[in-house]
Each structure stands twice: as C-alpha cells, then as structure tokens.
C-alpha cells in the first residue's frame, strides 16, 4: 500500500510541475517582418502573411529553426 501511495504522490507532483511549466511558457509571437528583424523569436505563417504562399517557419536569434 505504501508503494502505491508513493507512486500516486510522485505522479501528482510531476503533473503539477508539468502544468505549471506550460502555464508559464510564453507563446512565440508572429514576425512583424518576413525575416524577423528586430525580434529575438517569432513565427512566419506564409498562408496568413505576405502574398499567402511560400514557407512558414520559426525564427530564433535570427536563424530559421523549424519549417512547418
């Protein structure tokens, strides 16, 4: 019985930490310019910005990190 209580307590604490981390995370804002100039991190959604075609991506510290 003690092991099951310990396991349940560990699970509850772990879930609490995960939920807290998610709540504190700040969303990445959209890029104001296509190249992300003037912003440390941003995303470019090609379907919503510019001419509506092209690649969508995330920029961090001036470098493209991920295409989507």
Protein backbone atom coordinates (compact mmCIF):
# COMPACT_ATOMS: atom_id res chain seq x y z
CA UNK A 1 0.00 0.00 0.00
CA UNK A 2 2.82 2.42 0.82
CA UNK A 3 4.33 1.96 -2.64
CA UNK A 4 1.06 2.78 -4.39
CA UNK A 5 0.65 5.95 -2.29
CA UNK A 6 4.23 6.95 -3.05
CA UNK A 7 3.70 6.31 -6.78
CA UNK A 8 0.47 8.31 -6.80
CA UNK A 9 2.11 11.21 -4.95
CA UNK A 10 5.01 11.21 -7.41
CA UNK A 11 2.57 11.25 -10.33
CA UNK A 12 0.56 14.15 -8.86
CA UNK A 13 3.70 16.20 -8.18
CA UNK A 14 5.04 15.50 -11.68
CA UNK A 15 1.76 16.55 -13.29
CA UNK A 16 1.70 19.72 -11.18
CA UNK A 17 5.19 20.66 -12.33
CA UNK A 18 4.27 19.97 -15.97
CA UNK A 19 1.09 22.06 -15.80
CA UNK A 20 2.97 24.90 -14.08
CA UNK A 21 5.67 24.91 -16.76
CA UNK A 22 3.08 25.00 -19.52
CA UNK A 23 1.25 27.90 -17.88
CA UNK A 24 4.47 29.92 -17.52
CA UNK A 25 5.62 29.37 -21.11
CA UNK A 26 5.13 32.41 -23.30
CA UNK A 27 3.77 31.89 -26.80
CA UNK A 28 6.01 32.81 -29.73
CA UNK A 29 4.64 35.96 -31.41
CA UNK A 30 4.18 36.32 -35.17
CA UNK A 31 7.01 38.01 -37.09
CA UNK A 32 6.40 41.66 -37.89
CA UNK A 33 8.65 41.33 -40.94
CA UNK A 34 9.30 38.24 -43.06
CA UNK A 35 12.91 38.00 -41.88
CA UNK A 36 12.03 38.50 -38.21
CA UNK A 37 14.24 41.60 -37.96
CA UNK A 38 14.01 43.33 -34.60
CA UNK A 39 12.61 40.26 -32.83
CA UNK A 40 14.52 37.56 -30.94
CA UNK A 41 11.93 34.86 -31.65
CA UNK A 42 8.88 34.82 -33.92
CA UNK A 43 6.98 32.70 -36.41
CA UNK A 44 6.09 33.42 -40.02
CA UNK A 45 2.86 31.82 -41.26
CA UNK A 46 3.09 32.11 -45.04
CA UNK A 47 -0.61 31.31 -45.50
CA UNK A 48 -1.58 34.33 -43.37
CA UNK A 49 1.19 36.83 -44.21
CA UNK A 50 2.80 38.29 -47.30
CA UNK A 51 1.34 37.06 -50.57
CA UNK A 52 -0.18 33.94 -48.97
CA UNK A 53 2.28 31.46 -50.49
CA UNK A 54 5.74 30.24 -49.56
CA UNK A 55 7.30 28.64 -46.49
CA UNK A 56 6.21 29.02 -42.88
CA UNK A 57 8.88 28.88 -40.19
CA UNK A 58 10.05 29.80 -36.68
CA UNK A 59 12.99 32.19 -36.25
CA UNK A 60 15.11 32.28 -33.08
CA UNK A 61 18.06 34.65 -32.73
CA UNK A 62 17.96 35.48 -36.45
CA UNK A 63 18.14 31.84 -37.57
CA UNK A 64 15.36 29.72 -39.04
CA UNK A 65 14.84 26.84 -36.60
CA UNK A 66 11.87 24.96 -38.00
CA UNK A 67 9.72 24.86 -41.12
CA UNK A 68 6.07 23.94 -40.84
